[in-house]
Amino acid sequence: MLKRLLAMLCTAAVPALAQGSAASSNVDNARMLWNDVRGYLTEAAADVPENLYSFRPTPDVRTFGELIGHIAGSQKMFCAIALGEKPTEEDAVEKTAKTKAALVAALKESNDYCARAYKQTDAATKPMVDVFGQQRSRLFVLLENATHDNEHYGNIVTYMRMNKMVPPSSKPRK
């Protein structure tokens, strides 16, 4: 009898728990993922001194500055696709912005642009769009952007550690 009562209570609790988590939309969840990494990238770009923007751990990888430029350009491209707008070239920023000030400004501009994309409704992110020759939803593109940013934040963490710096995600929070 006690086992049956516990089973019924557990069964009744599952829908209630699911309702609590349903309050966040898919875009809300994508935005939360992106907001975390966006903050870390912005802080890292500001923390790294200009002389380390040319730091390159090995000859076959991007410099720190090139990484920031790549992230800014890629974000702008992904978010344009997610908004249904004409994307810029992925490497546009990386090819043109060379100073810390220009790269930080480009990252801020791409963050501001992407903030618009992450404010869309779930319905607005359902349409399919072309992403590197494959049809994906606009929501997929937002998730891809957050994933791509996190991938390169991992590179940035390594670059900063190699230069005896503490990356933003490892700093004590106030």
N, C-alpha and C. Protein backbone atom coordinates (compact mmCIF):
# COMPACT_ATOMS: atom_id res chain seq x y z
N MET A 1 0.83 -1.19 0.00
CA MET A 1 0.00 0.00 0.00
C MET A 1 0.87 1.26 0.00
N LEU A 2 1.90 1.31 0.85
CA LEU A 2 2.80 2.45 0.92
C LEU A 2 3.54 2.63 -0.41
N LYS A 3 3.94 1.52 -1.03
CA LYS A 3 4.63 1.59 -2.32
C LYS A 3 3.72 2.20 -3.38
N ARG A 4 2.43 1.80 -3.38
CA ARG A 4 1.48 2.35 -4.34
C ARG A 4 1.27 3.85 -4.13
N LEU A 5 1.20 4.27 -2.89
CA LEU A 5 1.01 5.68 -2.56
C LEU A 5 2.22 6.48 -3.03
N LEU A 6 3.42 5.98 -2.77
CA LEU A 6 4.64 6.67 -3.22
C LEU A 6 4.69 6.74 -4.75
N ALA A 7 4.31 5.66 -5.40
CA ALA A 7 4.31 5.64 -6.87
C ALA A 7 3.33 6.68 -7.41
N MET A 8 2.15 6.79 -6.80
CA MET A 8 1.16 7.76 -7.25
C MET A 8 1.67 9.19 -7.02
N LEU A 9 2.30 9.44 -5.89
CA LEU A 9 2.83 10.78 -5.60
C LEU A 9 3.93 11.15 -6.59
N CYS A 10 4.81 10.20 -6.89
CA CYS A 10 5.89 10.46 -7.86
C CYS A 10 5.31 10.72 -9.25
N THR A 11 4.31 9.96 -9.63
CA THR A 11 3.69 10.12 -10.93
C THR A 11 3.01 11.49 -11.02
N ALA A 12 2.39 11.92 -9.96
CA ALA A 12 1.71 13.22 -9.94
C ALA A 12 2.73 14.36 -9.94
N ALA A 13 3.91 14.14 -9.37
CA ALA A 13 4.91 15.20 -9.28
C ALA A 13 5.58 15.48 -10.61
N VAL A 14 5.71 14.51 -11.48
CA VAL A 14 6.42 14.69 -12.75
C VAL A 14 5.79 15.79 -13.60
N PRO A 15 4.47 15.79 -13.84
CA PRO A 15 3.90 16.88 -14.63
C PRO A 15 4.07 18.24 -13.96
N ALA A 16 3.99 18.28 -12.64
CA ALA A 16 4.17 19.55 -11.94
C ALA A 16 5.59 20.08 -12.14
N LEU A 17 6.57 19.21 -12.07
CA LEU A 17 7.95 19.62 -12.30
C LEU A 17 8.14 20.08 -13.74
N ALA A 18 7.54 19.37 -14.66
CA ALA A 18 7.67 19.72 -16.06
C ALA A 18 7.06 21.10 -16.33
N GLN A 19 5.96 21.42 -15.67
CA GLN A 19 5.34 22.72 -15.86
C GLN A 19 6.26 23.83 -15.38
N GLY A 20 6.96 23.59 -14.30
CA GLY A 20 7.89 24.59 -13.77
C GLY A 20 9.01 24.88 -14.74
N SER A 21 9.52 23.87 -15.42
CA SER A 21 10.61 24.08 -16.36
C SER A 21 10.12 24.60 -17.70
N ALA A 22 8.83 24.47 -17.99
CA ALA A 22 8.29 24.92 -19.26
C ALA A 22 8.16 26.43 -19.33
N ALA A 23 8.37 27.11 -18.21
CA ALA A 23 8.24 28.57 -18.19
C ALA A 23 9.27 29.23 -19.08
N SER A 24 10.43 28.62 -19.26
CA SER A 24 11.46 29.17 -20.14
C SER A 24 11.23 28.68 -21.56
N SER A 25 11.29 29.60 -22.49
CA SER A 25 11.15 29.20 -23.89
C SER A 25 12.48 28.66 -24.40
N ASN A 26 12.44 28.09 -25.59
CA ASN A 26 13.67 27.60 -26.20
C ASN A 26 14.66 28.74 -26.43
N VAL A 27 14.16 29.88 -26.89
CA VAL A 27 15.05 31.01 -27.12
C VAL A 27 15.60 31.54 -25.79
N ASP A 28 14.77 31.54 -24.74
CA ASP A 28 15.26 31.95 -23.42
C ASP A 28 16.44 31.09 -23.00
N ASN A 29 16.33 29.78 -23.22
CA ASN A 29 17.41 28.87 -22.84
C ASN A 29 18.66 29.12 -23.68
N ALA A 30 18.48 29.34 -24.97
CA ALA A 30 19.63 29.64 -25.85
C ALA A 30 20.29 30.95 -25.40
N ARG A 31 19.47 31.95 -25.07
CA ARG A 31 19.99 33.24 -24.63
C ARG A 31 20.79 33.10 -23.34
N MET A 32 20.31 32.27 -22.42
CA MET A 32 21.06 32.05 -21.17
C MET A 32 22.43 31.46 -21.45
N LEU A 33 22.50 30.49 -22.36
CA LEU A 33 23.79 29.90 -22.73
C LEU A 33 24.71 30.95 -23.31
N TRP A 34 24.18 31.75 -24.21
CA TRP A 34 24.98 32.76 -24.89
C TRP A 34 25.39 33.89 -23.94
N ASN A 35 24.48 34.32 -23.08
CA ASN A 35 24.81 35.42 -22.15
C ASN A 35 26.02 35.10 -21.28
N ASP A 36 26.11 33.87 -20.81
CA ASP A 36 27.26 33.49 -19.97
C ASP A 36 28.57 33.64 -20.74
N VAL A 37 28.64 33.04 -21.91
CA VAL A 37 29.89 33.08 -22.67
C VAL A 37 30.16 34.48 -23.20
N ARG A 38 29.12 35.20 -23.57
CA ARG A 38 29.29 36.58 -24.04
C ARG A 38 29.99 37.42 -22.98
N GLY A 39 29.56 37.26 -21.75
CA GLY A 39 30.19 38.00 -20.65
C GLY A 39 31.66 37.63 -20.47
N TYR A 40 31.94 36.34 -20.54
CA TYR A 40 33.33 35.88 -20.39
C TYR A 40 34.21 36.40 -21.53
N LEU A 41 33.70 36.35 -22.75
CA LEU A 41 34.47 36.81 -23.90
C LEU A 41 34.74 38.31 -23.80
N THR A 42 33.73 39.07 -23.43
CA THR A 42 33.87 40.52 -23.31
C THR A 42 34.89 40.87 -22.23
N GLU A 43 34.80 40.18 -21.10
CA GLU A 43 35.73 40.44 -20.01
C GLU A 43 37.15 40.05 -20.39
N ALA A 44 37.32 38.92 -21.04
CA ALA A 44 38.66 38.48 -21.47
C ALA A 44 39.25 39.48 -22.45
N ALA A 45 38.45 39.93 -23.41
CA ALA A 45 38.94 40.89 -24.41
C ALA A 45 39.41 42.17 -23.72
N ALA A 46 38.71 42.59 -22.68
CA ALA A 46 39.10 43.79 -21.94
C ALA A 46 40.32 43.55 -21.05
N ASP A 47 40.42 42.37 -20.44
CA ASP A 47 41.50 42.07 -19.49
C ASP A 47 42.86 41.86 -20.14
N VAL A 48 42.88 41.25 -21.31
CA VAL A 48 44.16 40.94 -21.95
C VAL A 48 44.79 42.24 -22.45
N PRO A 49 46.03 42.50 -22.05
CA PRO A 49 46.68 43.74 -22.50
C PRO A 49 46.95 43.72 -24.01
N GLU A 50 47.03 44.90 -24.57
CA GLU A 50 47.21 45.01 -26.03
C GLU A 50 48.43 44.24 -26.53
N ASN A 51 49.52 44.24 -25.77
CA ASN A 51 50.72 43.54 -26.25
C ASN A 51 50.51 42.03 -26.38
N LEU A 52 49.51 41.47 -25.68
CA LEU A 52 49.23 40.04 -25.80
C LEU A 52 48.20 39.72 -26.88
N TYR A 53 47.67 40.73 -27.53
CA TYR A 53 46.75 40.48 -28.64
C TYR A 53 47.48 39.82 -29.81
N SER A 54 48.80 39.94 -29.84
CA SER A 54 49.59 39.28 -30.89
C SER A 54 50.12 37.93 -30.44
N PHE A 55 49.77 37.50 -29.21
CA PHE A 55 50.25 36.21 -28.71
C PHE A 55 49.65 35.07 -29.52
N ARG A 56 50.54 34.16 -29.93
CA ARG A 56 50.15 32.99 -30.73
C ARG A 56 50.91 31.81 -30.12
N PRO A 57 50.20 30.86 -29.47
CA PRO A 57 50.89 29.74 -28.81
C PRO A 57 51.75 28.89 -29.74
N THR A 58 51.28 28.69 -30.95
CA THR A 58 52.05 27.95 -31.96
C THR A 58 51.82 28.63 -33.30
N PRO A 59 52.72 28.44 -34.24
CA PRO A 59 52.59 29.13 -35.53
C PRO A 59 51.32 28.81 -36.32
N ASP A 60 50.69 27.69 -36.03
CA ASP A 60 49.54 27.25 -36.84
C ASP A 60 48.18 27.60 -36.25
N VAL A 61 48.13 28.45 -35.21
CA VAL A 61 46.85 28.86 -34.63
C VAL A 61 46.72 30.38 -34.65
N ARG A 62 45.52 30.86 -34.44
CA ARG A 62 45.26 32.29 -34.43
C ARG A 62 45.93 32.96 -33.23
N THR A 63 46.22 34.24 -33.38
CA THR A 63 46.65 35.05 -32.24
C THR A 63 45.42 35.31 -31.37
N PHE A 64 45.66 35.82 -30.18
CA PHE A 64 44.53 36.19 -29.31
C PHE A 64 43.63 37.19 -30.04
N GLY A 65 44.24 38.21 -30.64
CA GLY A 65 43.46 39.22 -31.35
C GLY A 65 42.67 38.64 -32.51
N GLU A 66 43.30 37.72 -33.24
CA GLU A 66 42.59 37.08 -34.35
C GLU A 66 41.40 36.26 -33.85
N LEU A 67 41.56 35.64 -32.67
CA LEU A 67 40.43 34.90 -32.07
C LEU A 67 39.27 35.84 -31.77
N ILE A 68 39.57 36.99 -31.16
CA ILE A 68 38.51 37.95 -30.85
C ILE A 68 37.84 38.42 -32.14
N GLY A 69 38.63 38.69 -33.17
CA GLY A 69 38.07 39.09 -34.46
C GLY A 69 37.22 38.00 -35.09
N HIS A 70 37.70 36.77 -34.98
CA HIS A 70 36.95 35.63 -35.52
C HIS A 70 35.61 35.47 -34.81
N ILE A 71 35.63 35.59 -33.50
CA ILE A 71 34.39 35.46 -32.72
C ILE A 71 33.41 36.57 -33.10
N ALA A 72 33.91 37.81 -33.17
CA ALA A 72 33.03 38.94 -33.52
C ALA A 72 32.43 38.74 -34.91
N GLY A 73 33.24 38.35 -35.87
CA GLY A 73 32.74 38.14 -37.23
C GLY A 73 31.77 36.97 -37.33
N SER A 74 32.09 35.89 -36.65
CA SER A 74 31.23 34.70 -36.67
C SER A 74 29.89 34.99 -36.01
N GLN A 75 29.93 35.69 -34.88
CA GLN A 75 28.68 36.03 -34.20
C GLN A 75 27.78 36.84 -35.11
N LYS A 76 28.36 37.83 -35.77
CA LYS A 76 27.56 38.68 -36.65
C LYS A 76 26.95 37.85 -37.78
N MET A 77 27.74 36.91 -38.32
CA MET A 77 27.24 36.05 -39.38
C MET A 77 26.11 35.15 -38.87
N PHE A 78 26.35 34.43 -37.76
CA PHE A 78 25.34 33.52 -37.23
C PHE A 78 24.06 34.27 -36.87
N CYS A 79 24.20 35.42 -36.21
CA CYS A 79 23.00 36.14 -35.76
C CYS A 79 22.23 36.74 -36.93
N ALA A 80 22.93 37.15 -38.00
CA ALA A 80 22.22 37.62 -39.19
C ALA A 80 21.39 36.48 -39.78
N ILE A 81 21.97 35.29 -39.85
CA ILE A 81 21.24 34.13 -40.35
C ILE A 81 20.02 33.86 -39.47
N ALA A 82 20.22 33.92 -38.15
CA ALA A 82 19.12 33.65 -37.21
C ALA A 82 18.02 34.70 -37.32
N LEU A 83 18.37 35.89 -37.72
CA LEU A 83 17.37 36.96 -37.90
C LEU A 83 16.75 36.95 -39.29
N GLY A 84 17.28 36.10 -40.17
CA GLY A 84 16.79 36.07 -41.55
C GLY A 84 17.32 37.22 -42.38
N GLU A 85 18.45 37.78 -41.96
CA GLU A 85 19.07 38.90 -42.67
C GLU A 85 20.28 38.39 -43.45
N LYS A 86 20.78 39.22 -44.35
CA LYS A 86 21.94 38.84 -45.15
C LYS A 86 23.19 38.84 -44.26
N PRO A 87 23.86 37.70 -44.15
CA PRO A 87 25.05 37.65 -43.28
C PRO A 87 26.28 38.30 -43.92
N THR A 88 27.12 38.83 -43.07
CA THR A 88 28.42 39.33 -43.51
C THR A 88 29.36 38.13 -43.60
N GLU A 89 30.50 38.33 -44.19
CA GLU A 89 31.49 37.26 -44.26
C GLU A 89 31.98 36.94 -42.85
N GLU A 90 32.16 35.66 -42.57
CA GLU A 90 32.59 35.21 -41.25
C GLU A 90 33.91 35.85 -40.83
N ASP A 91 34.81 36.02 -41.77
CA ASP A 91 36.15 36.52 -41.42
C ASP A 91 36.32 38.03 -41.65
N ALA A 92 35.21 38.74 -41.85
CA ALA A 92 35.27 40.18 -42.15
C ALA A 92 35.99 40.96 -41.06
N VAL A 93 35.68 40.71 -39.81
CA VAL A 93 36.29 41.45 -38.70
C VAL A 93 37.76 41.03 -38.55
N GLU A 94 38.00 39.75 -38.62
CA GLU A 94 39.35 39.22 -38.45
C GLU A 94 40.32 39.82 -39.47
N LYS A 95 39.83 40.09 -40.68
CA LYS A 95 40.67 40.64 -41.74
C LYS A 95 40.91 42.14 -41.59
N THR A 96 40.00 42.85 -40.93
CA THR A 96 40.09 44.31 -40.92
C THR A 96 40.50 44.92 -39.59
N ALA A 97 39.99 44.42 -38.48
CA ALA A 97 40.29 45.01 -37.16
C ALA A 97 41.61 44.42 -36.65
N LYS A 98 42.55 45.30 -36.31
CA LYS A 98 43.88 44.80 -35.90
C LYS A 98 44.31 45.27 -34.51
N THR A 99 43.74 46.34 -34.00
CA THR A 99 44.14 46.84 -32.68
C THR A 99 43.18 46.31 -31.62
N LYS A 100 43.62 46.35 -30.38
CA LYS A 100 42.74 45.93 -29.28
C LYS A 100 41.47 46.77 -29.29
N ALA A 101 41.60 48.08 -29.43
CA ALA A 101 40.42 48.96 -29.41
C ALA A 101 39.43 48.59 -30.51
N ALA A 102 39.93 48.34 -31.71
CA ALA A 102 39.05 47.98 -32.83
C ALA A 102 38.41 46.62 -32.62
N LEU A 103 39.15 45.68 -32.08
CA LEU A 103 38.62 44.33 -31.85
C LEU A 103 37.59 44.32 -30.72
N VAL A 104 37.87 45.04 -29.65
CA VAL A 104 36.91 45.12 -28.54
C VAL A 104 35.62 45.80 -29.03
N ALA A 105 35.77 46.86 -29.85
CA ALA A 105 34.59 47.55 -30.40
C ALA A 105 33.80 46.62 -31.32
N ALA A 106 34.49 45.82 -32.12
CA ALA A 106 33.81 44.88 -33.02
C ALA A 106 33.09 43.80 -32.24
N LEU A 107 33.69 43.33 -31.16
CA LEU A 107 33.04 42.32 -30.31
C LEU A 107 31.79 42.91 -29.67
N LYS A 108 31.89 44.14 -29.18
CA LYS A 108 30.72 44.80 -28.58
C LYS A 108 29.61 44.96 -29.62
N GLU A 109 29.99 45.38 -30.82
CA GLU A 109 28.99 45.55 -31.89
C GLU A 109 28.32 44.22 -32.23
N SER A 110 29.10 43.15 -32.30
CA SER A 110 28.49 41.85 -32.61
C SER A 110 27.61 41.37 -31.46
N ASN A 111 28.00 41.66 -30.22
CA ASN A 111 27.16 41.31 -29.07
C ASN A 111 25.83 42.06 -29.12
N ASP A 112 25.89 43.34 -29.43
CA ASP A 112 24.67 44.15 -29.52
C ASP A 112 23.77 43.63 -30.64
N TYR A 113 24.37 43.29 -31.76
CA TYR A 113 23.61 42.76 -32.89
C TYR A 113 22.96 41.44 -32.51
N CYS A 114 23.73 40.58 -31.87
CA CYS A 114 23.20 39.27 -31.48
C CYS A 114 22.11 39.37 -30.42
N ALA A 115 22.19 40.38 -29.57
CA ALA A 115 21.15 40.55 -28.55
C ALA A 115 19.78 40.62 -29.21
N ARG A 116 19.70 41.26 -30.38
CA ARG A 116 18.44 41.30 -31.14
C ARG A 116 17.99 39.90 -31.54
N ALA A 117 18.93 39.10 -32.00
CA ALA A 117 18.59 37.74 -32.46
C ALA A 117 18.09 36.89 -31.30
N TYR A 118 18.68 37.07 -30.13
CA TYR A 118 18.29 36.27 -28.97
C TYR A 118 17.03 36.79 -28.29
N LYS A 119 16.46 37.88 -28.79
CA LYS A 119 15.18 38.40 -28.27
C LYS A 119 13.99 37.89 -29.06
N GLN A 120 14.24 37.10 -30.10
CA GLN A 120 13.15 36.58 -30.92
C GLN A 120 12.26 35.63 -30.11
N THR A 121 11.07 35.44 -30.60
CA THR A 121 10.17 34.46 -29.99
C THR A 121 10.51 33.07 -30.51
N ASP A 122 10.01 32.07 -29.82
CA ASP A 122 10.20 30.70 -30.31
C ASP A 122 9.62 30.55 -31.72
N ALA A 123 8.46 31.14 -31.96
CA ALA A 123 7.83 31.03 -33.28
C ALA A 123 8.72 31.63 -34.37
N ALA A 124 9.37 32.74 -34.06
CA ALA A 124 10.23 33.39 -35.04
C ALA A 124 11.48 32.58 -35.36
N THR A 125 11.85 31.67 -34.47
CA THR A 125 13.08 30.88 -34.69
C THR A 125 12.78 29.50 -35.28
N LYS A 126 11.53 29.23 -35.63
CA LYS A 126 11.18 27.94 -36.23
C LYS A 126 11.53 27.83 -37.71
N PRO A 127 11.43 28.92 -38.49
CA PRO A 127 11.72 28.78 -39.93
C PRO A 127 13.12 28.22 -40.19
N MET A 128 13.20 27.51 -41.29
CA MET A 128 14.47 26.90 -41.70
C MET A 128 15.27 27.92 -42.51
N VAL A 129 16.58 27.86 -42.32
CA VAL A 129 17.51 28.74 -43.03
C VAL A 129 18.71 27.92 -43.49
N ASP A 130 19.44 28.45 -44.45
CA ASP A 130 20.63 27.77 -44.95
C ASP A 130 21.82 28.07 -44.04
N VAL A 131 22.44 27.02 -43.53
CA VAL A 131 23.64 27.15 -42.70
C VAL A 131 24.70 26.24 -43.31
N PHE A 132 25.65 26.85 -44.00
CA PHE A 132 26.73 26.10 -44.64
C PHE A 132 26.19 24.97 -45.51
N GLY A 133 25.13 25.27 -46.27
CA GLY A 133 24.58 24.31 -47.21
C GLY A 133 23.59 23.32 -46.64
N GLN A 134 23.23 23.48 -45.37
CA GLN A 134 22.24 22.59 -44.76
C GLN A 134 21.09 23.41 -44.21
N GLN A 135 19.89 22.85 -44.25
CA GLN A 135 18.71 23.52 -43.72
C GLN A 135 18.61 23.26 -42.22
N ARG A 136 18.59 24.34 -41.46
CA ARG A 136 18.48 24.26 -40.00
C ARG A 136 17.50 25.34 -39.54
N SER A 137 16.95 25.16 -38.35
CA SER A 137 16.06 26.19 -37.81
C SER A 137 16.88 27.39 -37.34
N ARG A 138 16.23 28.52 -37.24
CA ARG A 138 16.90 29.71 -36.72
C ARG A 138 17.32 29.49 -35.27
N LEU A 139 16.54 28.70 -34.53
CA LEU A 139 16.93 28.37 -33.15
C LEU A 139 18.24 27.59 -33.17
N PHE A 140 18.38 26.65 -34.08
CA PHE A 140 19.63 25.90 -34.21
C PHE A 140 20.81 26.86 -34.40
N VAL A 141 20.60 27.89 -35.21
CA VAL A 141 21.68 28.85 -35.49
C VAL A 141 22.06 29.59 -34.20
N LEU A 142 21.08 29.97 -33.39
CA LEU A 142 21.39 30.63 -32.12
C LEU A 142 22.19 29.69 -31.20
N LEU A 143 21.80 28.43 -31.17
CA LEU A 143 22.53 27.46 -30.35
C LEU A 143 23.93 27.23 -30.91
N GLU A 144 24.05 27.20 -32.23
CA GLU A 144 25.36 27.03 -32.87
C GLU A 144 26.28 28.20 -32.53
N ASN A 145 25.72 29.41 -32.51
CA ASN A 145 26.52 30.58 -32.15
C ASN A 145 27.05 30.45 -30.72
N ALA A 146 26.17 30.09 -29.79
CA ALA A 146 26.61 29.94 -28.39
C ALA A 146 27.65 28.83 -28.27
N THR A 147 27.46 27.74 -28.99
CA THR A 147 28.42 26.63 -28.97
C THR A 147 29.76 27.08 -29.54
N HIS A 148 29.74 27.78 -30.65
CA HIS A 148 30.96 28.27 -31.29
C HIS A 148 31.70 29.23 -30.36
N ASP A 149 30.97 30.13 -29.72
CA ASP A 149 31.58 31.06 -28.77
C ASP A 149 32.25 30.30 -27.62
N ASN A 150 31.56 29.29 -27.10
CA ASN A 150 32.14 28.50 -26.01
C ASN A 150 33.38 27.74 -26.46
N GLU A 151 33.35 27.23 -27.67
CA GLU A 151 34.53 26.54 -28.21
C GLU A 151 35.75 27.46 -28.19
N HIS A 152 35.57 28.67 -28.68
CA HIS A 152 36.70 29.60 -28.72
C HIS A 152 37.01 30.23 -27.37
N TYR A 153 36.02 30.29 -26.49
CA TYR A 153 36.36 30.73 -25.13
C TYR A 153 37.33 29.74 -24.50
N GLY A 154 37.19 28.46 -24.81
CA GLY A 154 38.14 27.46 -24.33
C GLY A 154 39.55 27.76 -24.81
N ASN A 155 39.68 28.20 -26.07
CA ASN A 155 41.00 28.61 -26.57
C ASN A 155 41.52 29.80 -25.77
N ILE A 156 40.65 30.76 -25.53
CA ILE A 156 41.04 31.98 -24.82
C ILE A 156 41.51 31.66 -23.40
N VAL A 157 40.82 30.74 -22.74
CA VAL A 157 41.24 30.31 -21.39
C VAL A 157 42.68 29.80 -21.44
N THR A 158 42.99 28.99 -22.43
CA THR A 158 44.34 28.44 -22.55
C THR A 158 45.35 29.55 -22.82
N TYR A 159 45.03 30.45 -23.71
CA TYR A 159 45.93 31.57 -24.02
C TYR A 159 46.20 32.39 -22.76
N MET A 160 45.14 32.67 -22.02
CA MET A 160 45.31 33.48 -20.80
C MET A 160 46.15 32.73 -19.77
N ARG A 161 45.88 31.45 -19.57
CA ARG A 161 46.66 30.66 -18.60
C ARG A 161 48.13 30.60 -18.99
N MET A 162 48.40 30.48 -20.29
CA MET A 162 49.79 30.44 -20.75
C MET A 162 50.52 31.75 -20.45
N ASN A 163 49.76 32.82 -20.28
CA ASN A 163 50.32 34.13 -19.97
C ASN A 163 50.10 34.53 -18.52
N LYS A 164 49.88 33.51 -17.67
CA LYS A 164 49.74 33.71 -16.22
C LYS A 164 48.58 34.63 -15.85
N MET A 165 47.51 34.57 -16.65
CA MET A 165 46.31 35.36 -16.38
C MET A 165 45.19 34.43 -15.94
N VAL A 166 44.30 34.94 -15.12
CA VAL A 166 43.13 34.17 -14.67
C VAL A 166 41.97 34.50 -15.60
N PRO A 167 41.42 33.49 -16.28
CA PRO A 167 40.29 33.76 -17.18
C PRO A 167 39.04 34.15 -16.39
N PRO A 168 38.16 34.91 -17.02
CA PRO A 168 36.95 35.39 -16.31
C PRO A 168 36.14 34.31 -15.61
N SER A 169 35.99 33.14 -16.22
CA SER A 169 35.18 32.09 -15.62
C SER A 169 35.82 31.48 -14.38
N SER A 170 37.10 31.75 -14.16
CA SER A 170 37.78 31.19 -12.98
C SER A 170 37.98 32.23 -11.88
N LYS A 171 37.60 33.47 -12.15
CA LYS A 171 37.74 34.51 -11.13
C LYS A 171 36.67 34.32 -10.07
N PRO A 172 37.01 34.62 -8.81
CA PRO A 172 35.98 34.57 -7.77
C PRO A 172 34.88 35.58 -8.08
N ARG A 173 33.64 35.15 -7.90
CA ARG A 173 32.50 36.03 -8.14
C ARG A 173 32.13 36.76 -6.85
N LYS A 174 31.78 38.03 -7.02
CA LYS A 174 31.44 38.86 -5.86
C LYS A 174 30.01 38.69 -5.46
